[in-house]
C-alpha atoms as a PDB file:
ATOM      1  CA  GLU A   1     151.415  30.430-148.765  1.00  0.00           C
ATOM      2  CA  TYR A   2     149.958  27.140-149.925  1.00  0.00           C
ATOM      3  CA  GLY A   3     147.358  28.613-152.269  1.00  0.00           C
ATOM      4  CA  GLU A   4     150.008  30.551-154.174  1.00  0.00           C
ATOM      5  CA  SER A   5     152.188  27.438-154.337  1.00  0.00           C
ATOM      6  CA  LEU A   6     149.357  25.390-155.848  1.00  0.00           C
ATOM      7  CA  LEU A   7     148.699  28.058-158.497  1.00  0.00           C
ATOM      8  CA  ILE A   8     152.365  28.039-159.538  1.00  0.00           C
ATOM      9  CA  TYR A   9     152.508  24.250-159.595  1.00  0.00           C
ATOM     10  CA  LYS A  10     149.349  24.192-161.736  1.00  0.00           C
ATOM     11  CA  LEU A  11     151.034  26.473-164.268  1.00  0.00           C
ATOM     12  CA  CYS A  12     154.080  24.204-164.169  1.00  0.00           C
ATOM     13  CA  LEU A  13     151.947  21.107-164.793  1.00  0.00           C
ATOM     14  CA  ASP A  14     150.191  22.794-167.717  1.00  0.00           C
ATOM     15  CA  VAL A  15     153.524  23.637-169.360  1.00  0.00           C
ATOM     16  CA  GLN A  16     154.939  20.170-168.726  1.00  0.00           C
ATOM     17  CA  LYS A  17     151.871  18.408-170.111  1.00  0.00           C
ATOM     18  CA  ARG A  18     152.055  20.442-173.295  1.00  0.00           C
ATOM     19  CA  GLY A  19     155.806  20.094-173.597  1.00  0.00           C
ATOM     20  CA  ILE A  20     156.323  16.398-172.814  1.00  0.00           C
ATOM     21  CA  PRO A  21     154.612  13.967-175.186  1.00  0.00           C
ATOM     22  CA  SER A  22     153.390  10.671-173.806  1.00  0.00           C
ATOM     23  CA  PRO A  23     154.633   8.109-174.506  1.00  0.00           C
ATOM     24  CA  LEU A  24     158.065   9.719-174.802  1.00  0.00           C
ATOM     25  CA  PRO A  25     159.719   9.457-178.232  1.00  0.00           C
ATOM     26  CA  GLU A  26     162.834   7.324-178.418  1.00  0.00           C
ATOM     27  CA  GLU A  27     165.028  10.321-179.312  1.00  0.00           C
ATOM     28  CA  CYS A  28     164.451  11.558-175.749  1.00  0.00           C
ATOM     29  CA  LEU A  29     165.896   8.385-174.313  1.00  0.00           C
ATOM     30  CA  ASP A  30     169.586   9.204-174.707  1.00  0.00           C
ATOM     31  CA  ASP A  31     172.270   9.659-172.078  1.00  0.00           C
ATOM     32  CA  ASP A  32     171.415  13.342-171.504  1.00  0.00           C
ATOM     33  CA  TYR A  33     167.842  12.327-170.807  1.00  0.00           C
ATOM     34  CA  LEU A  34     169.019   9.875-168.146  1.00  0.00           C
ATOM     35  CA  PHE A  35     170.566  12.751-166.232  1.00  0.00           C
ATOM     36  CA  ASN A  36     167.603  15.090-166.847  1.00  0.00           C
ATOM     37  CA  PRO A  37     164.439  12.975-166.624  1.00  0.00           C
ATOM     38  CA  PRO A  38     161.052  14.570-167.206  1.00  0.00           C
ATOM     39  CA  SER A  39     159.896  16.302-164.061  1.00  0.00           C
ATOM     40  CA  LEU A  40     156.157  15.768-164.479  1.00  0.00           C
ATOM     41  CA  SER A  41     156.146  12.995-161.862  1.00  0.00           C
ATOM     42  CA  TYR A  42     158.166  15.193-159.510  1.00  0.00           C
ATOM     43  CA  THR A  43     155.732  18.069-159.865  1.00  0.00           C
ATOM     44  CA  TYR A  44     152.805  15.799-158.988  1.00  0.00           C
ATOM     45  CA  ARG A  45     154.803  14.688-155.957  1.00  0.00           C
ATOM     46  CA  ASP A  46     155.409  18.303-154.904  1.00  0.00           C
ATOM     47  CA  VAL A  47     151.727  19.174-155.296  1.00  0.00           C
ATOM     48  CA  GLY A  48     150.899  16.187-153.109  1.00  0.00           C
ATOM     49  CA  ALA A  49     153.316  17.474-150.466  1.00  0.00           C
ATOM     50  CA  VAL A  50     151.563  20.864-150.426  1.00  0.00           C
ATOM     51  CA  HIS A  51     148.140  19.245-150.019  1.00  0.00           C
ATOM     52  CA  GLU A  52     149.547  17.143-147.162  1.00  0.00           C
ATOM     53  CA  GLN A  53     150.759  20.306-145.421  1.00  0.00           C
ATOM     54  CA  MET A  54     147.283  21.797-145.890  1.00  0.00           C
ATOM     55  CA  GLY A  55     145.676  18.704-144.345  1.00  0.00           C
ATOM     56  CA  ASN A  56     144.035  17.599-147.615  1.00  0.00           C
ATOM     57  CA  LEU A  57     145.242  14.043-147.100  1.00  0.00           C
ATOM     58  CA  GLU A  58     143.028  12.229-149.611  1.00  0.00           C
ATOM     59  CA  LYS A  59     143.957  14.718-152.332  1.00  0.00           C
ATOM     60  CA  ALA A  60     147.630  14.450-151.362  1.00  0.00           C
ATOM     61  CA  LEU A  61     147.435  10.686-151.715  1.00  0.00           C
ATOM     62  CA  SER A  62     145.899  10.934-155.187  1.00  0.00           C
ATOM     63  CA  TYR A  63     148.735  13.200-156.377  1.00  0.00           C
ATOM     64  CA  HIS A  64     151.399  10.934-154.885  1.00  0.00           C
ATOM     65  CA  HIS A  65     149.842   7.901-156.574  1.00  0.00           C
ATOM     66  CA  GLU A  66     149.782   9.740-159.908  1.00  0.00           C
ATOM     67  CA  SER A  67     153.431  10.675-159.374  1.00  0.00           C
ATOM     68  CA  LEU A  68     154.242   7.021-158.755  1.00  0.00           C
ATOM     69  CA  ARG A  69     152.338   5.924-161.885  1.00  0.00           C
ATOM     70  CA  LEU A  70     154.139   8.489-164.070  1.00  0.00           C
ATOM     71  CA  TYR A  71     157.479   7.588-162.583  1.00  0.00           C
ATOM     72  CA  LYS A  72     157.014   3.882-163.308  1.00  0.00           C
ATOM     73  CA  SER A  73     155.903   4.657-166.865  1.00  0.00           C
ATOM     74  CA  GLU A  74     158.955   6.828-167.496  1.00  0.00           C
ATOM     75  CA  LYS A  75     161.272   4.246-165.962  1.00  0.00           C
ATOM     76  CA  LYS A  76     159.758   1.472-168.090  1.00  0.00           C
ATOM     77  CA  GLN A  77     160.559   3.387-171.295  1.00  0.00           C
ATOM     78  CA  LYS A  78     164.103   4.090-170.131  1.00  0.00           C
ATOM     79  CA  ASN A  79     164.616   0.437-169.224  1.00  0.00           C
ATOM     80  CA  LYS A  80     163.446  -0.595-172.679  1.00  0.00           C
ATOM     81  CA  LYS A  81     166.088   1.604-174.260  1.00  0.00           C
ATOM     82  CA  HIS A  82     168.697   0.269-171.838  1.00  0.00           C
ATOM     83  CA  LEU A  83     167.870  -3.305-172.847  1.00  0.00           C
ATOM     84  CA  GLU A  84     168.199  -2.454-176.538  1.00  0.00           C
ATOM     85  CA  ARG A  85     171.590  -0.901-175.955  1.00  0.00           C
ATOM     86  CA  GLU A  86     172.810  -3.702-173.695  1.00  0.00           C
ATOM     87  CA  SER A  87     171.781  -6.257-176.321  1.00  0.00           C
ATOM     88  CA  LEU A  88     173.796  -4.281-178.875  1.00  0.00           C
ATOM     89  CA  PHE A  89     176.714  -4.136-176.455  1.00  0.00           C
ATOM     90  CA  ASP A  90     176.686  -7.929-176.051  1.00  0.00           C
ATOM     91  CA  TRP A  91     176.431  -8.368-179.826  1.00  0.00           C
ATOM     92  CA  ILE A  92     179.464  -6.156-180.464  1.00  0.00           C
ATOM     93  CA  LYS A  93     181.497  -8.132-177.941  1.00  0.00           C
ATOM     94  CA  LEU A  94     180.506 -11.468-179.488  1.00  0.00           C
ATOM     95  CA  ASP A  95     180.695 -10.510-183.162  1.00  0.00           C
ATOM     96  CA  PRO A  96     182.616  -7.289-183.793  1.00  0.00           C
ATOM     97  CA  THR A  97     183.395  -8.401-187.370  1.00  0.00           C
ATOM     98  CA  GLY A  98     179.701  -8.161-188.206  1.00  0.00           C
ATOM     99  CA  MET A  99     179.785  -4.352-187.994  1.00  0.00           C
ATOM    100  CA  PRO A 100     180.154  -2.384-191.235  1.00  0.00           C
ATOM    101  CA  ASN A 101     183.520  -0.994-190.117  1.00  0.00           C
ATOM    102  CA  GLU A 102     185.787  -0.858-187.097  1.00  0.00           C
ATOM    103  CA  GLU A 103     185.234   2.871-186.476  1.00  0.00           C
ATOM    104  CA  GLU A 104     181.470   2.457-186.284  1.00  0.00           C
ATOM    105  CA  ALA A 105     181.857  -0.558-184.021  1.00  0.00           C
ATOM    106  CA  MET A 106     184.045   1.426-181.614  1.00  0.00           C
ATOM    107  CA  GLU A 107     181.616   4.376-181.642  1.00  0.00           C
ATOM    108  CA  MET A 108     178.683   2.132-180.730  1.00  0.00           C
ATOM    109  CA  PHE A 109     180.788   0.317-178.138  1.00  0.00           C
ATOM    110  CA  LEU A 110     181.628   3.605-176.394  1.00  0.00           C
ATOM    111  CA  GLU A 111     177.986   4.696-176.593  1.00  0.00           C
ATOM    112  CA  CYS A 112     176.880   1.522-174.851  1.00  0.00           C
ATOM    113  CA  THR A 113     179.582   1.567-172.171  1.00  0.00           C
ATOM    114  CA  SER A 114     178.662   5.170-171.326  1.00  0.00           C
ATOM    115  CA  LEU A 115     175.462   3.790-169.833  1.00  0.00           C
ATOM    116  CA  TYR A 116     177.449   2.537-166.887  1.00  0.00           C
ATOM    117  CA  ASN A 117     178.510   6.076-165.971  1.00  0.00           C
ATOM    118  CA  VAL A 118     174.934   6.739-164.812  1.00  0.00           C
ATOM    119  CA  PRO A 119     174.932   6.778-160.983  1.00  0.00           C
ATOM    120  CA  VAL A 120     173.706   3.390-159.784  1.00  0.00           C
ATOM    121  CA  GLY A 121     170.339   3.552-158.070  1.00  0.00           C
ATOM    122  CA  ARG A 122     169.670   7.207-158.951  1.00  0.00           C
ATOM    123  CA  ASN A 123     166.098   6.405-159.964  1.00  0.00           C
ATOM    124  CA  ASP A 124     165.616   4.230-156.893  1.00  0.00           C
ATOM    125  CA  VAL A 125     166.091   7.345-154.752  1.00  0.00           C
ATOM    126  CA  ASP A 126     163.369   9.206-156.651  1.00  0.00           C
ATOM    127  CA  LEU A 127     161.025   6.269-156.256  1.00  0.00           C
ATOM    128  CA  ALA A 128     161.885   6.007-152.558  1.00  0.00           C
ATOM    129  CA  VAL A 129     160.978   9.665-151.984  1.00  0.00           C
ATOM    130  CA  THR A 130     157.560   9.181-153.559  1.00  0.00           C
ATOM    131  CA  LEU A 131     156.924   5.984-151.605  1.00  0.00           C
ATOM    132  CA  HIS A 132     157.978   7.762-148.423  1.00  0.00           C
ATOM    133  CA  ASN A 133     155.487  10.574-149.114  1.00  0.00           C
ATOM    134  CA  ILE A 134     152.727   8.040-149.710  1.00  0.00           C
ATOM    135  CA  GLY A 135     153.632   6.340-146.440  1.00  0.00           C
ATOM    136  CA  GLN A 136     153.452   9.664-144.591  1.00  0.00           C
ATOM    137  CA  VAL A 137     149.921  10.336-145.849  1.00  0.00           C
ATOM    138  CA  HIS A 138     148.689   6.817-145.014  1.00  0.00           C
ATOM    139  CA  ARG A 139     150.201   7.216-141.563  1.00  0.00           C
ATOM    140  CA  ARG A 140     148.355  10.481-140.952  1.00  0.00           C
ATOM    141  CA  LEU A 141     145.159   8.828-142.162  1.00  0.00           C
ATOM    142  CA  GLY A 142     145.675   6.029-139.641  1.00  0.00           C
ATOM    143  CA  GLN A 143     146.142   3.458-142.414  1.00  0.00           C
ATOM    144  CA  TYR A 144     149.147   1.860-140.756  1.00  0.00           C
ATOM    145  CA  ASN A 145     149.407  -1.318-142.841  1.00  0.00           C
ATOM    146  CA  LEU A 146     149.512   0.698-146.066  1.00  0.00           C
ATOM    147  CA  ALA A 147     151.977   3.118-144.504  1.00  0.00           C
ATOM    148  CA  MET A 148     154.242   0.226-143.527  1.00  0.00           C
ATOM    149  CA  GLN A 149     154.158  -1.175-147.075  1.00  0.00           C
ATOM    150  CA  ALA A 150     155.125   2.195-148.539  1.00  0.00           C
ATOM    151  CA  TYR A 151     157.870   2.792-145.977  1.00  0.00           C
ATOM    152  CA  SER A 152     159.300  -0.687-146.585  1.00  0.00           C
ATOM    153  CA  GLY A 153     159.428  -0.034-150.327  1.00  0.00           C
ATOM    154  CA  ALA A 154     161.147   3.296-149.714  1.00  0.00           C
ATOM    155  CA  LEU A 155     163.701   1.650-147.420  1.00  0.00           C
ATOM    156  CA  LYS A 156     164.495  -0.986-150.034  1.00  0.00           C
ATOM    157  CA  GLY A 157     165.051   1.706-152.670  1.00  0.00           C
ATOM    158  CA  ILE A 158     167.321   3.791-150.440  1.00  0.00           C
ATOM    159  CA  LYS A 159     169.411   0.759-149.488  1.00  0.00           C
ATOM    160  CA  ALA A 160     169.779  -0.207-153.164  1.00  0.00           C
ATOM    161  CA  ALA A 161     170.814   3.309-154.109  1.00  0.00           C
ATOM    162  CA  MET A 162     172.994   4.376-151.202  1.00  0.00           C
ATOM    163  CA  GLY A 163     174.048   1.280-149.325  1.00  0.00           C
ATOM    164  CA  LYS A 164     172.906  -0.094-145.990  1.00  0.00           C
ATOM    165  CA  SER A 165     174.924   2.342-143.848  1.00  0.00           C
ATOM    166  CA  HIS A 166     173.819   5.672-145.345  1.00  0.00           C
ATOM    167  CA  PRO A 167     172.213   8.245-142.991  1.00  0.00           C
ATOM    168  CA  ASN A 168     169.096   8.259-145.200  1.00  0.00           C
ATOM    169  CA  VAL A 169     168.659   4.561-144.413  1.00  0.00           C
ATOM    170  CA  ALA A 170     168.723   5.478-140.733  1.00  0.00           C
ATOM    171  CA  ALA A 171     166.143   8.230-141.317  1.00  0.00           C
ATOM    172  CA  MET A 172     163.795   5.844-143.122  1.00  0.00           C
ATOM    173  CA  LEU A 173     164.218   3.211-140.409  1.00  0.00           C
ATOM    174  CA  GLY A 174     163.379   5.928-137.889  1.00  0.00           C
ATOM    175  CA  ASN A 175     160.050   6.521-139.620  1.00  0.00           C
ATOM    176  CA  ILE A 176     159.307   2.803-139.470  1.00  0.00           C
ATOM    177  CA  GLY A 177     160.185   2.818-135.770  1.00  0.00           C
ATOM    178  CA  ASN A 178     157.846   5.762-135.203  1.00  0.00           C
ATOM    179  CA  LEU A 179     155.082   3.859-136.960  1.00  0.00           C
ATOM    180  CA  HIS A 180     155.568   0.825-134.705  1.00  0.00           C
ATOM    181  CA  LYS A 181     155.453   3.124-131.685  1.00  0.00           C
ATOM    182  CA  GLU A 182     152.185   4.701-132.867  1.00  0.00           C
ATOM    183  CA  ILE A 183     150.508   1.315-133.148  1.00  0.00           C
ATOM    184  CA  GLY A 184     151.715   0.373-129.665  1.00  0.00           C
ATOM    185  CA  ASP A 185     154.473  -2.058-130.632  1.00  0.00           C
ATOM    186  CA  ASN A 186     157.077  -0.503-128.338  1.00  0.00           C
ATOM    187  CA  ASP A 187     159.390  -3.510-128.353  1.00  0.00           C
ATOM    188  CA  LYS A 188     159.746  -3.457-132.138  1.00  0.00           C
ATOM    189  CA  ALA A 189     160.092   0.328-132.131  1.00  0.00           C
ATOM    190  CA  PHE A 190     162.836   0.112-129.495  1.00  0.00           C
ATOM    191  CA  GLN A 191     164.713  -2.489-131.536  1.00  0.00           C
ATOM    192  CA  ILE A 192     164.564  -0.312-134.653  1.00  0.00           C
ATOM    193  CA  TYR A 193     165.614   2.831-132.768  1.00  0.00           C
ATOM    194  CA  GLN A 194     168.677   0.976-131.490  1.00  0.00           C
ATOM    195  CA  GLU A 195     169.565   0.042-135.067  1.00  0.00           C
ATOM    196  CA  VAL A 196     169.067   3.648-136.166  1.00  0.00           C
ATOM    197  CA  LEU A 197     171.267   4.896-133.335  1.00  0.00           C
ATOM    198  CA  ALA A 198     174.099   2.557-134.342  1.00  0.00           C
ATOM    199  CA  LEU A 199     173.930   3.717-137.980  1.00  0.00           C
ATOM    200  CA  GLU A 200     173.748   7.409-137.102  1.00  0.00           C
ATOM    201  CA  THR A 201     176.576   7.264-134.563  1.00  0.00           C
ATOM    202  CA  VAL A 202     178.936   5.758-137.147  1.00  0.00           C
ATOM    203  CA  ALA A 203     177.817   7.972-140.040  1.00  0.00           C
ATOM    204  CA  LEU A 204     177.273  11.291-138.223  1.00  0.00           C
ATOM    205  CA  GLY A 205     179.124  11.108-134.901  1.00  0.00           C
ATOM    206  CA  ASP A 206     177.702  10.811-131.410  1.00  0.00           C
ATOM    207  CA  GLN A 207     177.036  14.564-131.023  1.00  0.00           C
ATOM    208  CA  HIS A 208     174.859  15.048-134.102  1.00  0.00           C
ATOM    209  CA  PRO A 209     171.295  16.447-133.766  1.00  0.00           C
ATOM    210  CA  GLU A 210     169.846  13.367-135.493  1.00  0.00           C
ATOM    211  CA  VAL A 211     171.476  11.190-132.834  1.00  0.00           C
ATOM    212  CA  ALA A 212     169.696  13.337-130.238  1.00  0.00           C
ATOM    213  CA  VAL A 213     166.345  12.745-131.977  1.00  0.00           C
ATOM    214  CA  THR A 214     166.855   8.984-131.941  1.00  0.00           C
ATOM    215  CA  LEU A 215     167.975   9.010-128.311  1.00  0.00           C
ATOM    216  CA  HIS A 216     164.851  10.991-127.432  1.00  0.00           C
ATOM    217  CA  ASN A 217     162.745   8.309-129.117  1.00  0.00           C
ATOM    218  CA  ILE A 218     164.554   5.643-127.097  1.00  0.00           C
ATOM    219  CA  GLY A 219     164.003   7.637-123.911  1.00  0.00           C
ATOM    220  CA  THR A 220     160.297   7.881-124.695  1.00  0.00           C
ATOM    221  CA  ILE A 221     160.064   4.088-125.005  1.00  0.00           C
ATOM    222  CA  GLU A 222     161.866   3.672-121.685  1.00  0.00           C
ATOM    223  CA  TYR A 223     159.379   6.115-120.133  1.00  0.00           C
ATOM    224  CA  CYS A 224     156.415   4.168-121.552  1.00  0.00           C
ATOM    225  CA  ARG A 225     157.899   0.946-120.112  1.00  0.00           C
ATOM    226  CA  GLY A 226     158.110   2.561-116.676  1.00  0.00           C
ATOM    227  CA  ASN A 227     161.920   2.618-116.702  1.00  0.00           C
ATOM    228  CA  PHE A 228     161.999   6.198-115.421  1.00  0.00           C
ATOM    229  CA  VAL A 229     165.598   6.218-114.159  1.00  0.00           C
ATOM    230  CA  LYS A 230     166.850   4.947-117.541  1.00  0.00           C
ATOM    231  CA  ALA A 231     164.604   7.425-119.355  1.00  0.00           C
ATOM    232  CA  GLU A 232     166.016  10.323-117.312  1.00  0.00           C
ATOM    233  CA  GLU A 233     169.558   9.220-118.142  1.00  0.00           C
ATOM    234  CA  VAL A 234     168.777   9.102-121.869  1.00  0.00           C
ATOM    235  CA  PHE A 235     166.962  12.464-121.865  1.00  0.00           C
ATOM    236  CA  GLN A 236     169.915  14.086-120.076  1.00  0.00           C
ATOM    237  CA  SER A 237     172.183  12.796-122.875  1.00  0.00           C
ATOM    238  CA  VAL A 238     169.809  14.287-125.409  1.00  0.00           C
ATOM    239  CA  LEU A 239     169.839  17.626-123.606  1.00  0.00           C
ATOM    240  CA  GLY A 240     173.646  17.674-123.570  1.00  0.00           C
ATOM    241  CA  ILE A 241     173.849  17.096-127.344  1.00  0.00           C
ATOM    242  CA  GLN A 242     171.189  19.712-128.069  1.00  0.00           C
ATOM    243  CA  LYS A 243     172.877  22.374-125.948  1.00  0.00           C
ATOM    244  CA  THR A 244     176.185  21.659-127.693  1.00  0.00           C
ATOM    245  CA  CYS A 245     174.590  21.905-131.131  1.00  0.00           C
ATOM    246  CA  PHE A 246     172.022  24.660-130.641  1.00  0.00           C
ATOM    247  CA  GLY A 247     172.748  26.548-127.422  1.00  0.00           C
ATOM    248  CA  ASN A 248     170.574  26.882-124.342  1.00  0.00           C
ATOM    249  CA  ASN A 249     167.587  28.688-125.866  1.00  0.00           C
ATOM    250  CA  HIS A 250     166.673  26.577-128.900  1.00  0.00           C
ATOM    251  CA  ALA A 251     163.105  25.306-129.102  1.00  0.00           C
ATOM    252  CA  VAL A 252     164.217  21.646-128.855  1.00  0.00           C
ATOM    253  CA  ILE A 253     165.619  22.395-125.386  1.00  0.00           C
ATOM    254  CA  ALA A 254     162.064  23.103-124.220  1.00  0.00           C
ATOM    255  CA  VAL A 255     160.838  19.772-125.591  1.00  0.00           C
ATOM    256  CA  THR A 256     163.547  17.766-123.864  1.00  0.00           C
ATOM    257  CA  SER A 257     163.281  19.721-120.610  1.00  0.00           C
ATOM    258  CA  ASN A 258     159.568  18.969-120.612  1.00  0.00           C
ATOM    259  CA  SER A 259     160.310  15.244-121.040  1.00  0.00           C
ATOM    260  CA  ILE A 260     162.770  15.372-118.131  1.00  0.00           C
ATOM    261  CA  GLY A 261     160.140  17.138-116.027  1.00  0.00           C
ATOM    262  CA  GLU A 262     157.635  14.364-116.753  1.00  0.00           C
ATOM    263  CA  VAL A 263     160.181  11.741-115.644  1.00  0.00           C
ATOM    264  CA  TYR A 264     160.924  13.600-112.400  1.00  0.00           C
ATOM    265  CA  GLU A 265     157.196  13.979-111.775  1.00  0.00           C
ATOM    266  CA  ARG A 266     156.708  10.224-112.083  1.00  0.00           C
ATOM    267  CA  LEU A 267     159.678   9.649-109.770  1.00  0.00           C
ATOM    268  CA  ASN A 268     158.078  12.112-107.315  1.00  0.00           C
ATOM    269  CA  PHE A 269     161.109  14.426-107.439  1.00  0.00           C
ATOM    270  CA  ILE A 270     158.928  17.517-107.090  1.00  0.00           C
ATOM    271  CA  ASN A 271     161.543  20.259-106.987  1.00  0.00           C
ATOM    272  CA  LYS A 272     163.479  18.777-109.913  1.00  0.00           C
ATOM    273  CA  ALA A 273     160.262  18.444-111.927  1.00  0.00           C
ATOM    274  CA  ILE A 274     159.303  22.072-111.309  1.00  0.00           C
ATOM    275  CA  LYS A 275     162.824  23.207-112.237  1.00  0.00           C
ATOM    276  CA  ALA A 276     162.732  21.220-115.512  1.00  0.00           C
ATOM    277  CA  TYR A 277     159.247  22.485-116.405  1.00  0.00           C
ATOM    278  CA  ASP A 278     160.280  26.040-115.554  1.00  0.00           C
ATOM    279  CA  ASN A 279     163.291  25.753-117.865  1.00  0.00           C
ATOM    280  CA  ALA A 280     161.012  24.464-120.619  1.00  0.00           C
ATOM    281  CA  LEU A 281     158.647  27.374-119.912  1.00  0.00           C
ATOM    282  CA  GLN A 282     161.393  30.008-120.219  1.00  0.00           C
ATOM    283  CA  VAL A 283     162.742  28.577-123.482  1.00  0.00           C
ATOM    284  CA  CYS A 284     159.246  28.137-124.914  1.00  0.00           C
ATOM    285  CA  SER A 285     158.328  31.733-124.045  1.00  0.00           C
ATOM    286  CA  PHE A 286     161.570  32.969-125.602  1.00  0.00           C
ATOM    287  CA  ASN A 287     160.927  31.168-128.906  1.00  0.00           C
ATOM    288  CA  LEU A 288     157.140  31.304-129.229  1.00  0.00           C
ATOM    289  CA  GLY A 289     156.120  34.311-127.179  1.00  0.00           C
ATOM    290  CA  ARG A 290     154.500  34.577-123.735  1.00  0.00           C
ATOM    291  CA  HIS A 291     150.989  33.981-125.061  1.00  0.00           C
ATOM    292  CA  HIS A 292     151.556  30.825-127.116  1.00  0.00           C
ATOM    293  CA  ALA A 293     149.311  27.856-126.320  1.00  0.00           C
ATOM    294  CA  ASP A 294     152.342  25.680-125.476  1.00  0.00           C
ATOM    295  CA  VAL A 295     153.322  28.205-122.798  1.00  0.00           C
ATOM    296  CA  GLY A 296     149.832  27.798-121.359  1.00  0.00           C
ATOM    297  CA  ARG A 297     150.204  24.025-121.265  1.00  0.00           C
ATOM    298  CA  LEU A 298     153.495  24.252-119.365  1.00  0.00           C
ATOM    299  CA  LEU A 299     151.985  26.726-116.881  1.00  0.00           C
ATOM    300  CA  TYR A 300     149.131  24.290-116.306  1.00  0.00           C
ATOM    301  CA  LYS A 301     151.589  21.417-115.738  1.00  0.00           C
ATOM    302  CA  ILE A 302     153.403  23.414-113.078  1.00  0.00           C
ATOM    303  CA  ALA A 303     150.055  24.311-111.497  1.00  0.00           C
ATOM    304  CA  GLY A 304     149.189  20.619-111.394  1.00  0.00           C
ATOM    305  CA  ILE A 305     152.357  19.776-109.467  1.00  0.00           C
ATOM    306  CA  TYR A 306     151.712  22.492-106.910  1.00  0.00           C
ATOM    307  CA  LEU A 307     148.124  21.322-106.569  1.00  0.00           C
ATOM    308  CA  ASP A 308     148.551  17.536-106.506  1.00  0.00           C
ATOM    309  CA  LYS A 309     152.085  16.974-105.252  1.00  0.00           C
ATOM    310  CA  SER A 310     153.039  19.749-102.853  1.00  0.00           C
ATOM    311  CA  GLY A 311     149.659  21.133-101.813  1.00  0.00           C
ATOM    312  CA  GLU A 312     150.685  24.748-102.437  1.00  0.00           C
ATOM    313  CA  LEU A 313     147.244  25.943-103.474  1.00  0.00           C
ATOM    314  CA  LYS A 314     148.048  29.634-103.898  1.00  0.00           C
ATOM    315  CA  LEU A 315     150.886  28.889-106.304  1.00  0.00           C
ATOM    316  CA  ALA A 316     148.658  26.402-108.126  1.00  0.00           C
ATOM    317  CA  GLU A 317     145.987  29.083-108.479  1.00  0.00           C
ATOM    318  CA  LYS A 318     148.528  31.633-109.725  1.00  0.00           C
ATOM    319  CA  TYR A 319     149.758  29.352-112.504  1.00  0.00           C
ATOM    320  CA  CYS A 320     146.219  28.225-113.402  1.00  0.00           C
ATOM    321  CA  ILE A 321     145.093  31.832-113.851  1.00  0.00           C
ATOM    322  CA  LYS A 322     148.066  32.529-116.142  1.00  0.00           C
ATOM    323  CA  ALA A 323     147.328  29.396-118.171  1.00  0.00           C
ATOM    324  CA  LEU A 324     143.626  30.259-118.453  1.00  0.00           C
ATOM    325  CA  LYS A 325     144.455  33.749-119.699  1.00  0.00           C
ATOM    326  CA  ILE A 326     146.647  32.305-122.456  1.00  0.00           C
ATOM    327  CA  TYR A 327     143.985  29.734-123.423  1.00  0.00           C
ATOM    328  CA  LYS A 328     141.437  32.538-123.810  1.00  0.00           C
ATOM    329  CA  ILE A 329     143.852  34.565-125.947  1.00  0.00           C
ATOM    330  CA  ASN A 330     144.245  31.490-128.183  1.00  0.00           C
ATOM    331  CA  ARG A 331     140.445  30.997-128.222  1.00  0.00           C
ATOM    332  CA  VAL A 332     140.576  27.535-126.738  1.00  0.00           C
ATOM    333  CA  ASN A 333     137.000  26.292-126.396  1.00  0.00           C
ATOM    334  CA  ASP A 334     135.507  26.092-122.904  1.00  0.00           C
ATOM    335  CA  ASP A 335     134.839  22.365-123.363  1.00  0.00           C
ATOM    336  CA  ASN A 336     138.478  21.643-124.220  1.00  0.00           C
ATOM    337  CA  PRO A 337     140.121  19.504-121.459  1.00  0.00           C
END
């Protein structure tokens, strides 16, 4: 319910704008504030995410950029206060006798050292999320160079905050790999996916769903390279992990079964291809209903095999008629391929 979400976020922004002066007064820049930063930049980011889901990409980008601007402004003020305190900290260490009394010196010393209890890189994570969102919008707009810049900034922030081996680093690298794949740089994408797989296997274990996603990406590259036997091997590994994690009827099983069917079709293993497509069809029907457009696409694929590969015209006609019926239910235009 995107419209309702935007109305609520608008109310939230109105309250925040009235309640948070800009620039922020120095009394807000204490230790409590560091753990509870103003959420105005986050709300702009959330509004941008809603517009992205609605397909309003230009508007989403404007909100994400405003979120980034607000975030940098807030961080600049906090850094200024940090510098003032750190200067005081250094001064106390060098000249404690210059303080009015020992008790006051100790109080200020403890106040300054408490700064180091703030989780390192906390703000870098917030910045990384916003940069990631900006990268997602640029990617959907086909602005791949800008998307790559934003993703790279997000990756740098996540590494600084969480270390180079954190699963979130792997997730961000995966997005960069996907971007390389979209622009046709399969070799670079493959290299990145291998790096992601190594990180995820160590951090999450070799039977984790995210490992399956990365393996599927690797299998797709192998398929695009024409390495169909290797692709089939990888997709079978993916299917094994997914069945262990989700059972036999989860929607992802249909996706992977479809990929296996495409490999078998290219290898001219007709019966195996039909079996894989049929498994994808059953799972897809179970999850989405018998009249979903994706069910129609799978029916048409099976019809194509019967028509082009095995010459079984009556079966091809049967599946084509079923697919056509579903397309009409979904109001697919007559000129749609």
